[in-house]
């Protein structure tokens, strides 16, 4: 694959070199990081963060260079669970770990959804009010990010359609949209179309994002290892539509059909590749993450959930 409309040849060469370098050093980097986690020394959460970043790049490599969709989904699942496990600070689970300084499509959310993992999907839906800090106000772009993240999770859930419609209409009717909101109006047109379960309107909402200028502007500040060859909004929104049975008929070099179609792997093919991950089950109540934090911040020497 070569550079497409999402990037320049120079940046493509640079970022693909970075991704390949992660693959070359993956085993060594993980071994070093795992020693801090398994032996509970230093700052284990920092080590989890480094490993998570490595897996992000490995997932991109699996799809872009190995053309292995199954491997991509497996690493995407691992990355998604790692995001949950390392979404803490050194004291307690971070409230609303989808932060207001990130768009709804980010390194935190993208691979969770693209993995097609039923476990991750159920985790997102069940914990929607724990992981996303909703708002109905638009003082600044941080409020917009929070609102968009919550709308995205409402789409993943796919049940509160009237609520999603009302929220989307309120934004689209905003009397004086600033630059930050104007840039995201296509997103809200898609949210509205999804709320109305209108596949043609969903496709129409995404059409402007196939224009190079719009595609690149919307992708800015989203996905380091993917936004140079994929259009993130098209891919993720079309994926969510596919989750709920809508085939938008999209197949483009910046939004390949094989990535978009919702097709979960057999449950036994989503594996935790690191032993420390196996200690936590995504089906646990969200508050059990405090036990995880206490263990890896040395407040307790025994990891017992729900104590």
C-alpha atoms as a PDB file:
ATOM      1  CA  UNK A   1       0.000   0.000   0.000  1.00  0.00           C
ATOM      2  CA  UNK A   2       1.163   3.526  -0.732  1.00  0.00           C
ATOM      3  CA  UNK A   3       0.085   6.951   0.463  1.00  0.00           C
ATOM      4  CA  UNK A   4      -3.511   7.852  -0.330  1.00  0.00           C
ATOM      5  CA  UNK A   5      -5.534  11.044   0.025  1.00  0.00           C
ATOM      6  CA  UNK A   6      -5.241  10.959   3.823  1.00  0.00           C
ATOM      7  CA  UNK A   7      -1.545  11.832   3.915  1.00  0.00           C
ATOM      8  CA  UNK A   8       1.570  12.895   2.042  1.00  0.00           C
ATOM      9  CA  UNK A   9       4.207  10.445   0.788  1.00  0.00           C
ATOM     10  CA  UNK A  10       6.715  11.940   3.227  1.00  0.00           C
ATOM     11  CA  UNK A  11       4.506  11.420   6.275  1.00  0.00           C
ATOM     12  CA  UNK A  12       3.461   7.974   5.053  1.00  0.00           C
ATOM     13  CA  UNK A  13       7.106   6.938   4.855  1.00  0.00           C
ATOM     14  CA  UNK A  14       7.803   8.312   8.329  1.00  0.00           C
ATOM     15  CA  UNK A  15       4.824   6.864  10.184  1.00  0.00           C
ATOM     16  CA  UNK A  16       5.074   3.442   8.542  1.00  0.00           C
ATOM     17  CA  UNK A  17       8.731   3.326   9.576  1.00  0.00           C
ATOM     18  CA  UNK A  18       7.640   4.060  13.156  1.00  0.00           C
ATOM     19  CA  UNK A  19       5.030   1.294  13.063  1.00  0.00           C
ATOM     20  CA  UNK A  20       7.511  -1.232  11.677  1.00  0.00           C
ATOM     21  CA  UNK A  21      10.024  -0.294  14.373  1.00  0.00           C
ATOM     22  CA  UNK A  22       7.442  -1.132  17.048  1.00  0.00           C
ATOM     23  CA  UNK A  23       6.981  -4.571  15.503  1.00  0.00           C
ATOM     24  CA  UNK A  24      10.722  -5.193  15.506  1.00  0.00           C
ATOM     25  CA  UNK A  25      11.084  -4.335  19.194  1.00  0.00           C
ATOM     26  CA  UNK A  26       7.699  -5.575  20.434  1.00  0.00           C
ATOM     27  CA  UNK A  27       8.895  -8.662  22.306  1.00  0.00           C
ATOM     28  CA  UNK A  28      11.738  -6.836  24.023  1.00  0.00           C
ATOM     29  CA  UNK A  29       9.621  -3.807  24.918  1.00  0.00           C
ATOM     30  CA  UNK A  30       6.871  -5.996  26.341  1.00  0.00           C
ATOM     31  CA  UNK A  31       9.318  -8.076  28.341  1.00  0.00           C
ATOM     32  CA  UNK A  32      10.734  -4.955  29.954  1.00  0.00           C
ATOM     33  CA  UNK A  33       7.294  -3.515  30.681  1.00  0.00           C
ATOM     34  CA  UNK A  34       5.882  -6.775  31.980  1.00  0.00           C
ATOM     35  CA  UNK A  35       8.625  -7.035  34.579  1.00  0.00           C
ATOM     36  CA  UNK A  36       7.289  -3.868  36.245  1.00  0.00           C
ATOM     37  CA  UNK A  37       3.731  -5.205  36.187  1.00  0.00           C
ATOM     38  CA  UNK A  38       4.344  -8.826  37.131  1.00  0.00           C
ATOM     39  CA  UNK A  39       6.828  -7.950  39.874  1.00  0.00           C
ATOM     40  CA  UNK A  40       4.791  -4.910  40.984  1.00  0.00           C
ATOM     41  CA  UNK A  41       7.710  -2.519  41.012  1.00  0.00           C
ATOM     42  CA  UNK A  42       8.210   1.049  39.861  1.00  0.00           C
ATOM     43  CA  UNK A  43       4.979   2.367  38.345  1.00  0.00           C
ATOM     44  CA  UNK A  44       3.063  -0.587  36.881  1.00  0.00           C
ATOM     45  CA  UNK A  45       0.412   1.656  35.306  1.00  0.00           C
ATOM     46  CA  UNK A  46       3.098   3.476  33.333  1.00  0.00           C
ATOM     47  CA  UNK A  47       4.345   0.119  32.058  1.00  0.00           C
ATOM     48  CA  UNK A  48       0.787  -0.789  31.047  1.00  0.00           C
ATOM     49  CA  UNK A  49       0.646   2.482  29.125  1.00  0.00           C
ATOM     50  CA  UNK A  50       3.801   1.719  27.168  1.00  0.00           C
ATOM     51  CA  UNK A  51       2.565  -1.756  26.285  1.00  0.00           C
ATOM     52  CA  UNK A  52      -0.806  -0.335  25.219  1.00  0.00           C
ATOM     53  CA  UNK A  53       0.908   2.067  22.823  1.00  0.00           C
ATOM     54  CA  UNK A  54       2.952  -0.795  21.377  1.00  0.00           C
ATOM     55  CA  UNK A  55      -0.164  -2.905  20.799  1.00  0.00           C
ATOM     56  CA  UNK A  56      -1.819   0.041  19.023  1.00  0.00           C
ATOM     57  CA  UNK A  57       1.009   0.047  16.483  1.00  0.00           C
ATOM     58  CA  UNK A  58       1.032  -3.752  16.204  1.00  0.00           C
ATOM     59  CA  UNK A  59      -2.686  -3.750  15.370  1.00  0.00           C
ATOM     60  CA  UNK A  60      -2.099  -1.198  12.612  1.00  0.00           C
ATOM     61  CA  UNK A  61       0.740  -3.320  11.234  1.00  0.00           C
ATOM     62  CA  UNK A  62      -1.431  -6.454  11.244  1.00  0.00           C
ATOM     63  CA  UNK A  63      -3.986  -4.786   8.985  1.00  0.00           C
ATOM     64  CA  UNK A  64      -1.873  -2.499   6.828  1.00  0.00           C
ATOM     65  CA  UNK A  65       1.142  -4.703   6.119  1.00  0.00           C
ATOM     66  CA  UNK A  66       0.111  -8.253   6.992  1.00  0.00           C
ATOM     67  CA  UNK A  67      -3.420  -7.926   5.591  1.00  0.00           C
ATOM     68  CA  UNK A  68      -4.565 -10.140   8.457  1.00  0.00           C
ATOM     69  CA  UNK A  69      -8.010  -9.012   9.587  1.00  0.00           C
ATOM     70  CA  UNK A  70      -8.303 -11.698  12.244  1.00  0.00           C
ATOM     71  CA  UNK A  71      -4.984 -10.718  13.810  1.00  0.00           C
ATOM     72  CA  UNK A  72      -6.001  -7.066  13.649  1.00  0.00           C
ATOM     73  CA  UNK A  73      -9.221  -7.763  15.559  1.00  0.00           C
ATOM     74  CA  UNK A  74      -7.371  -9.838  18.135  1.00  0.00           C
ATOM     75  CA  UNK A  75      -4.851  -7.089  18.831  1.00  0.00           C
ATOM     76  CA  UNK A  76      -7.651  -4.509  18.781  1.00  0.00           C
ATOM     77  CA  UNK A  77      -9.399  -6.490  21.520  1.00  0.00           C
ATOM     78  CA  UNK A  78      -6.195  -6.682  23.567  1.00  0.00           C
ATOM     79  CA  UNK A  79      -5.678  -2.943  23.136  1.00  0.00           C
ATOM     80  CA  UNK A  80      -9.253  -2.210  24.177  1.00  0.00           C
ATOM     81  CA  UNK A  81      -8.967  -4.225  27.365  1.00  0.00           C
ATOM     82  CA  UNK A  82      -5.608  -2.619  28.136  1.00  0.00           C
ATOM     83  CA  UNK A  83      -7.254   0.791  27.774  1.00  0.00           C
ATOM     84  CA  UNK A  84      -9.695  -0.241  30.495  1.00  0.00           C
ATOM     85  CA  UNK A  85      -6.981  -1.644  32.759  1.00  0.00           C
ATOM     86  CA  UNK A  86      -4.578   1.260  32.474  1.00  0.00           C
ATOM     87  CA  UNK A  87      -7.195   4.016  32.422  1.00  0.00           C
ATOM     88  CA  UNK A  88      -6.401   4.742  36.047  1.00  0.00           C
ATOM     89  CA  UNK A  89      -4.274   7.247  37.814  1.00  0.00           C
ATOM     90  CA  UNK A  90      -2.265   6.288  40.864  1.00  0.00           C
ATOM     91  CA  UNK A  91      -5.151   6.680  43.286  1.00  0.00           C
ATOM     92  CA  UNK A  92      -8.427   5.459  41.849  1.00  0.00           C
ATOM     93  CA  UNK A  93     -10.220   4.662  38.606  1.00  0.00           C
ATOM     94  CA  UNK A  94     -10.295   7.846  36.584  1.00  0.00           C
ATOM     95  CA  UNK A  95     -13.867   9.111  36.415  1.00  0.00           C
ATOM     96  CA  UNK A  96     -15.050   9.090  32.815  1.00  0.00           C
ATOM     97  CA  UNK A  97     -11.944   7.670  31.192  1.00  0.00           C
ATOM     98  CA  UNK A  98     -13.022   8.991  27.812  1.00  0.00           C
ATOM     99  CA  UNK A  99     -11.612  12.462  28.541  1.00  0.00           C
ATOM    100  CA  UNK A 100     -12.937  15.793  27.346  1.00  0.00           C
ATOM    101  CA  UNK A 101      -9.647  16.670  25.654  1.00  0.00           C
ATOM    102  CA  UNK A 102     -10.083  13.872  23.094  1.00  0.00           C
ATOM    103  CA  UNK A 103     -12.568  13.483  20.275  1.00  0.00           C
ATOM    104  CA  UNK A 104     -15.081  10.655  20.343  1.00  0.00           C
ATOM    105  CA  UNK A 105     -12.854   8.841  17.853  1.00  0.00           C
ATOM    106  CA  UNK A 106      -9.482   8.424  19.497  1.00  0.00           C
ATOM    107  CA  UNK A 107      -6.851   5.866  20.435  1.00  0.00           C
ATOM    108  CA  UNK A 108      -9.102   5.004  23.385  1.00  0.00           C
ATOM    109  CA  UNK A 109     -12.314   4.182  21.534  1.00  0.00           C
ATOM    110  CA  UNK A 110     -11.404   3.269  17.958  1.00  0.00           C
ATOM    111  CA  UNK A 111      -9.886  -0.176  18.428  1.00  0.00           C
ATOM    112  CA  UNK A 112     -12.455  -1.106  21.071  1.00  0.00           C
ATOM    113  CA  UNK A 113     -15.165  -0.756  18.457  1.00  0.00           C
ATOM    114  CA  UNK A 114     -13.170  -2.016  15.469  1.00  0.00           C
ATOM    115  CA  UNK A 115     -12.316  -5.244  17.314  1.00  0.00           C
ATOM    116  CA  UNK A 116     -15.922  -6.465  16.971  1.00  0.00           C
ATOM    117  CA  UNK A 117     -15.410  -7.878  20.468  1.00  0.00           C
ATOM    118  CA  UNK A 118     -18.771  -8.595  22.139  1.00  0.00           C
ATOM    119  CA  UNK A 119     -17.053  -8.341  25.540  1.00  0.00           C
ATOM    120  CA  UNK A 120     -15.840  -4.811  24.875  1.00  0.00           C
ATOM    121  CA  UNK A 121     -19.141  -3.775  23.332  1.00  0.00           C
ATOM    122  CA  UNK A 122     -21.036  -5.023  26.389  1.00  0.00           C
ATOM    123  CA  UNK A 123     -18.564  -3.242  28.679  1.00  0.00           C
ATOM    124  CA  UNK A 124     -19.114   0.067  26.869  1.00  0.00           C
ATOM    125  CA  UNK A 125     -22.887  -0.204  26.945  1.00  0.00           C
ATOM    126  CA  UNK A 126     -23.145  -1.390  30.545  1.00  0.00           C
ATOM    127  CA  UNK A 127     -20.839   1.313  31.864  1.00  0.00           C
ATOM    128  CA  UNK A 128     -21.877   4.213  29.644  1.00  0.00           C
ATOM    129  CA  UNK A 129     -22.435   6.598  32.556  1.00  0.00           C
ATOM    130  CA  UNK A 130     -19.190   5.583  34.250  1.00  0.00           C
ATOM    131  CA  UNK A 131     -16.908   6.036  31.275  1.00  0.00           C
ATOM    132  CA  UNK A 132     -18.362   9.068  29.492  1.00  0.00           C
ATOM    133  CA  UNK A 133     -18.902  12.434  31.154  1.00  0.00           C
ATOM    134  CA  UNK A 134     -22.007  13.719  29.406  1.00  0.00           C
ATOM    135  CA  UNK A 135     -23.062  17.348  29.087  1.00  0.00           C
ATOM    136  CA  UNK A 136     -25.884  19.296  27.465  1.00  0.00           C
ATOM    137  CA  UNK A 137     -23.973  22.566  27.391  1.00  0.00           C
ATOM    138  CA  UNK A 138     -21.556  23.894  24.793  1.00  0.00           C
ATOM    139  CA  UNK A 139     -19.292  26.395  26.443  1.00  0.00           C
ATOM    140  CA  UNK A 140     -16.233  25.143  24.584  1.00  0.00           C
ATOM    141  CA  UNK A 141     -14.951  22.313  22.422  1.00  0.00           C
ATOM    142  CA  UNK A 142     -14.353  20.139  25.477  1.00  0.00           C
ATOM    143  CA  UNK A 143     -18.104  20.070  26.064  1.00  0.00           C
ATOM    144  CA  UNK A 144     -18.542  19.068  22.431  1.00  0.00           C
ATOM    145  CA  UNK A 145     -16.097  16.198  22.831  1.00  0.00           C
ATOM    146  CA  UNK A 146     -18.005  14.928  25.864  1.00  0.00           C
ATOM    147  CA  UNK A 147     -21.348  15.219  24.093  1.00  0.00           C
ATOM    148  CA  UNK A 148     -20.064  13.428  20.985  1.00  0.00           C
ATOM    149  CA  UNK A 149     -18.562  10.590  23.010  1.00  0.00           C
ATOM    150  CA  UNK A 150     -21.860  10.007  24.763  1.00  0.00           C
ATOM    151  CA  UNK A 151     -23.745  10.070  21.459  1.00  0.00           C
ATOM    152  CA  UNK A 152     -21.306   7.532  20.054  1.00  0.00           C
ATOM    153  CA  UNK A 153     -21.948   5.193  22.968  1.00  0.00           C
ATOM    154  CA  UNK A 154     -25.692   5.664  22.528  1.00  0.00           C
ATOM    155  CA  UNK A 155     -25.242   4.445  18.958  1.00  0.00           C
ATOM    156  CA  UNK A 156     -23.228   1.437  20.113  1.00  0.00           C
ATOM    157  CA  UNK A 157     -26.062   0.649  22.537  1.00  0.00           C
ATOM    158  CA  UNK A 158     -28.664   1.244  19.831  1.00  0.00           C
ATOM    159  CA  UNK A 159     -31.698   1.445  22.126  1.00  0.00           C
ATOM    160  CA  UNK A 160     -32.209   5.058  23.242  1.00  0.00           C
ATOM    161  CA  UNK A 161     -32.892   6.334  19.743  1.00  0.00           C
ATOM    162  CA  UNK A 162     -35.364   9.059  20.732  1.00  0.00           C
ATOM    163  CA  UNK A 163     -32.821  10.444  23.170  1.00  0.00           C
ATOM    164  CA  UNK A 164     -30.083  10.345  20.541  1.00  0.00           C
ATOM    165  CA  UNK A 165     -32.360  12.096  18.049  1.00  0.00           C
ATOM    166  CA  UNK A 166     -33.271  14.880  20.468  1.00  0.00           C
ATOM    167  CA  UNK A 167     -29.631  15.461  21.424  1.00  0.00           C
ATOM    168  CA  UNK A 168     -28.565  15.587  17.790  1.00  0.00           C
ATOM    169  CA  UNK A 169     -31.336  17.933  16.702  1.00  0.00           C
ATOM    170  CA  UNK A 170     -30.471  20.339  19.513  1.00  0.00           C
ATOM    171  CA  UNK A 171     -26.911  20.594  18.258  1.00  0.00           C
ATOM    172  CA  UNK A 172     -27.846  20.886  14.588  1.00  0.00           C
ATOM    173  CA  UNK A 173     -30.208  23.727  15.511  1.00  0.00           C
ATOM    174  CA  UNK A 174     -27.499  25.569  17.442  1.00  0.00           C
ATOM    175  CA  UNK A 175     -27.920  29.227  16.427  1.00  0.00           C
ATOM    176  CA  UNK A 176     -24.292  30.331  16.262  1.00  0.00           C
ATOM    177  CA  UNK A 177     -22.017  27.311  15.808  1.00  0.00           C
ATOM    178  CA  UNK A 178     -18.380  28.161  16.314  1.00  0.00           C
ATOM    179  CA  UNK A 179     -15.565  26.791  14.210  1.00  0.00           C
ATOM    180  CA  UNK A 180     -15.151  23.785  16.493  1.00  0.00           C
ATOM    181  CA  UNK A 181     -18.821  22.842  16.092  1.00  0.00           C
ATOM    182  CA  UNK A 182     -19.027  23.561  12.360  1.00  0.00           C
ATOM    183  CA  UNK A 183     -16.243  21.044  11.854  1.00  0.00           C
ATOM    184  CA  UNK A 184     -18.361  18.312  13.492  1.00  0.00           C
ATOM    185  CA  UNK A 185     -21.773  18.965  11.947  1.00  0.00           C
ATOM    186  CA  UNK A 186     -21.373  15.971   9.611  1.00  0.00           C
ATOM    187  CA  UNK A 187     -20.958  13.800  12.702  1.00  0.00           C
ATOM    188  CA  UNK A 188     -24.217  15.105  14.100  1.00  0.00           C
ATOM    189  CA  UNK A 189     -25.996  14.555  10.796  1.00  0.00           C
ATOM    190  CA  UNK A 190     -24.885  10.951  11.036  1.00  0.00           C
ATOM    191  CA  UNK A 191     -26.028  10.708  14.665  1.00  0.00           C
ATOM    192  CA  UNK A 192     -29.453  11.980  13.603  1.00  0.00           C
ATOM    193  CA  UNK A 193     -29.661   9.598  10.651  1.00  0.00           C
ATOM    194  CA  UNK A 194     -28.736   6.702  12.907  1.00  0.00           C
ATOM    195  CA  UNK A 195     -31.344   7.738  15.462  1.00  0.00           C
ATOM    196  CA  UNK A 196     -33.923   7.680  12.671  1.00  0.00           C
ATOM    197  CA  UNK A 197     -32.548   4.329  11.420  1.00  0.00           C
ATOM    198  CA  UNK A 198     -32.275   5.813   7.928  1.00  0.00           C
ATOM    199  CA  UNK A 199     -29.462   4.089   6.019  1.00  0.00           C
ATOM    200  CA  UNK A 200     -29.634   6.463   3.039  1.00  0.00           C
ATOM    201  CA  UNK A 201     -29.353   9.477   5.327  1.00  0.00           C
ATOM    202  CA  UNK A 202     -26.393   7.838   7.080  1.00  0.00           C
ATOM    203  CA  UNK A 203     -24.602   7.451   3.749  1.00  0.00           C
ATOM    204  CA  UNK A 204     -25.434  11.027   2.793  1.00  0.00           C
ATOM    205  CA  UNK A 205     -24.053  12.322   6.105  1.00  0.00           C
ATOM    206  CA  UNK A 206     -20.730  10.612   5.409  1.00  0.00           C
ATOM    207  CA  UNK A 207     -20.414  11.763   1.775  1.00  0.00           C
ATOM    208  CA  UNK A 208     -18.590  15.046   2.580  1.00  0.00           C
ATOM    209  CA  UNK A 209     -15.892  13.053   4.375  1.00  0.00           C
ATOM    210  CA  UNK A 210     -14.809  11.456   1.108  1.00  0.00           C
ATOM    211  CA  UNK A 211     -13.607  14.893  -0.031  1.00  0.00           C
ATOM    212  CA  UNK A 212      -9.892  15.186   0.714  1.00  0.00           C
ATOM    213  CA  UNK A 213     -10.029  18.525   2.538  1.00  0.00           C
ATOM    214  CA  UNK A 214     -12.909  17.444   4.760  1.00  0.00           C
ATOM    215  CA  UNK A 215     -11.519  13.958   5.315  1.00  0.00           C
ATOM    216  CA  UNK A 216      -8.166  15.214   6.537  1.00  0.00           C
ATOM    217  CA  UNK A 217      -9.635  18.012   8.657  1.00  0.00           C
ATOM    218  CA  UNK A 218     -12.016  15.630  10.427  1.00  0.00           C
ATOM    219  CA  UNK A 219      -9.259  13.069  11.004  1.00  0.00           C
ATOM    220  CA  UNK A 220      -6.905  15.551  12.628  1.00  0.00           C
ATOM    221  CA  UNK A 221      -6.016  14.694  16.239  1.00  0.00           C
ATOM    222  CA  UNK A 222      -7.659  11.287  16.139  1.00  0.00           C
ATOM    223  CA  UNK A 223      -5.539   8.190  15.447  1.00  0.00           C
ATOM    224  CA  UNK A 224      -1.760   8.318  15.106  1.00  0.00           C
ATOM    225  CA  UNK A 225      -1.378   4.860  13.598  1.00  0.00           C
ATOM    226  CA  UNK A 226      -4.516   4.802  11.467  1.00  0.00           C
ATOM    227  CA  UNK A 227      -5.525   8.296  10.343  1.00  0.00           C
ATOM    228  CA  UNK A 228      -2.803   8.397   7.686  1.00  0.00           C
ATOM    229  CA  UNK A 229      -4.560   5.724   5.601  1.00  0.00           C
ATOM    230  CA  UNK A 230      -8.115   5.539   6.979  1.00  0.00           C
ATOM    231  CA  UNK A 231     -10.823   8.161   7.354  1.00  0.00           C
ATOM    232  CA  UNK A 232     -11.685   7.496  11.015  1.00  0.00           C
ATOM    233  CA  UNK A 233     -15.210   8.910  11.113  1.00  0.00           C
ATOM    234  CA  UNK A 234     -16.379   7.011   8.038  1.00  0.00           C
ATOM    235  CA  UNK A 235     -14.879   3.738   9.196  1.00  0.00           C
ATOM    236  CA  UNK A 236     -16.106   3.864  12.781  1.00  0.00           C
ATOM    237  CA  UNK A 237     -19.581   5.211  12.110  1.00  0.00           C
ATOM    238  CA  UNK A 238     -20.140   2.714   9.293  1.00  0.00           C
ATOM    239  CA  UNK A 239     -18.915  -0.022  11.649  1.00  0.00           C
ATOM    240  CA  UNK A 240     -21.457   0.994  14.294  1.00  0.00           C
ATOM    241  CA  UNK A 241     -24.172   0.998  11.635  1.00  0.00           C
ATOM    242  CA  UNK A 242     -23.081  -2.505  10.639  1.00  0.00           C
ATOM    243  CA  UNK A 243     -23.309  -3.600  14.296  1.00  0.00           C
ATOM    244  CA  UNK A 244     -27.014  -2.898  14.048  1.00  0.00           C
ATOM    245  CA  UNK A 245     -27.586  -4.521  10.665  1.00  0.00           C
ATOM    246  CA  UNK A 246     -27.131  -1.556   8.307  1.00  0.00           C
ATOM    247  CA  UNK A 247     -24.931  -2.102   5.255  1.00  0.00           C
ATOM    248  CA  UNK A 248     -24.029   1.350   3.949  1.00  0.00           C
ATOM    249  CA  UNK A 249     -22.346  -0.116   0.870  1.00  0.00           C
ATOM    250  CA  UNK A 250     -19.053   1.653   1.544  1.00  0.00           C
ATOM    251  CA  UNK A 251     -15.834   0.217   0.130  1.00  0.00           C
ATOM    252  CA  UNK A 252     -13.079   2.752  -0.487  1.00  0.00           C
ATOM    253  CA  UNK A 253      -9.336   2.919   0.011  1.00  0.00           C
ATOM    254  CA  UNK A 254      -9.883   5.197   3.018  1.00  0.00           C
ATOM    255  CA  UNK A 255     -12.786   3.095   4.311  1.00  0.00           C
ATOM    256  CA  UNK A 256     -12.340  -0.571   3.310  1.00  0.00           C
ATOM    257  CA  UNK A 257     -15.374  -2.806   3.501  1.00  0.00           C
ATOM    258  CA  UNK A 258     -13.592  -5.614   5.342  1.00  0.00           C
ATOM    259  CA  UNK A 259     -12.901  -3.265   8.258  1.00  0.00           C
ATOM    260  CA  UNK A 260     -16.432  -1.898   8.280  1.00  0.00           C
ATOM    261  CA  UNK A 261     -18.465  -5.101   8.289  1.00  0.00           C
ATOM    262  CA  UNK A 262     -19.338  -6.172  11.827  1.00  0.00           C
ATOM    263  CA  UNK A 263     -18.203  -9.779  12.091  1.00  0.00           C
ATOM    264  CA  UNK A 264     -17.080 -10.872  15.575  1.00  0.00           C
ATOM    265  CA  UNK A 265     -14.517 -13.625  15.868  1.00  0.00           C
ATOM    266  CA  UNK A 266     -15.460 -16.774  17.792  1.00  0.00           C
ATOM    267  CA  UNK A 267     -15.255 -15.929  21.493  1.00  0.00           C
ATOM    268  CA  UNK A 268     -12.293 -18.259  22.091  1.00  0.00           C
ATOM    269  CA  UNK A 269     -10.232 -16.326  19.548  1.00  0.00           C
ATOM    270  CA  UNK A 270     -10.251 -13.156  21.646  1.00  0.00           C
ATOM    271  CA  UNK A 271      -7.452 -13.934  24.086  1.00  0.00           C
ATOM    272  CA  UNK A 272      -5.581 -11.958  26.738  1.00  0.00           C
ATOM    273  CA  UNK A 273      -2.007 -12.264  25.497  1.00  0.00           C
ATOM    274  CA  UNK A 274      -0.449 -11.076  28.764  1.00  0.00           C
ATOM    275  CA  UNK A 275      -0.978 -13.004  31.991  1.00  0.00           C
ATOM    276  CA  UNK A 276      -1.693  -9.919  34.095  1.00  0.00           C
ATOM    277  CA  UNK A 277      -4.714  -9.109  31.905  1.00  0.00           C
ATOM    278  CA  UNK A 278      -6.298 -12.467  32.702  1.00  0.00           C
ATOM    279  CA  UNK A 279      -6.842 -11.417  36.307  1.00  0.00           C
ATOM    280  CA  UNK A 280      -9.607  -8.985  35.338  1.00  0.00           C
ATOM    281  CA  UNK A 281     -12.825  -9.913  33.569  1.00  0.00           C
ATOM    282  CA  UNK A 282     -14.607  -7.215  31.588  1.00  0.00           C
ATOM    283  CA  UNK A 283     -17.920  -8.470  32.968  1.00  0.00           C
ATOM    284  CA  UNK A 284     -16.962  -7.383  36.502  1.00  0.00           C
ATOM    285  CA  UNK A 285     -18.815  -4.403  38.013  1.00  0.00           C
ATOM    286  CA  UNK A 286     -17.028  -1.167  37.183  1.00  0.00           C
ATOM    287  CA  UNK A 287     -16.246  -0.451  40.826  1.00  0.00           C
ATOM    288  CA  UNK A 288     -14.028  -3.543  40.943  1.00  0.00           C
ATOM    289  CA  UNK A 289     -11.423  -1.500  39.102  1.00  0.00           C
ATOM    290  CA  UNK A 290     -10.646   0.117  42.447  1.00  0.00           C
ATOM    291  CA  UNK A 291      -9.336  -3.254  43.641  1.00  0.00           C
ATOM    292  CA  UNK A 292      -7.137  -3.369  40.546  1.00  0.00           C
ATOM    293  CA  UNK A 293      -5.782   0.086  41.344  1.00  0.00           C
ATOM    294  CA  UNK A 294      -5.126  -0.763  44.979  1.00  0.00           C
ATOM    295  CA  UNK A 295      -3.146  -3.836  43.982  1.00  0.00           C
ATOM    296  CA  UNK A 296      -0.955  -2.093  41.427  1.00  0.00           C
ATOM    297  CA  UNK A 297      -0.370   0.932  43.631  1.00  0.00           C
ATOM    298  CA  UNK A 298       0.792  -1.348  46.446  1.00  0.00           C
ATOM    299  CA  UNK A 299      -2.067  -0.613  48.847  1.00  0.00           C
ATOM    300  CA  UNK A 300      -2.742  -4.321  49.120  1.00  0.00           C
ATOM    301  CA  UNK A 301      -0.665  -7.396  48.421  1.00  0.00           C
ATOM    302  CA  UNK A 302      -3.554  -9.553  47.311  1.00  0.00           C
ATOM    303  CA  UNK A 303      -5.799  -8.923  44.338  1.00  0.00           C
ATOM    304  CA  UNK A 304      -9.326  -9.773  45.431  1.00  0.00           C
ATOM    305  CA  UNK A 305     -12.233  -8.310  43.478  1.00  0.00           C
ATOM    306  CA  UNK A 306     -15.379  -7.189  45.247  1.00  0.00           C
ATOM    307  CA  UNK A 307     -13.877  -7.397  48.702  1.00  0.00           C
END
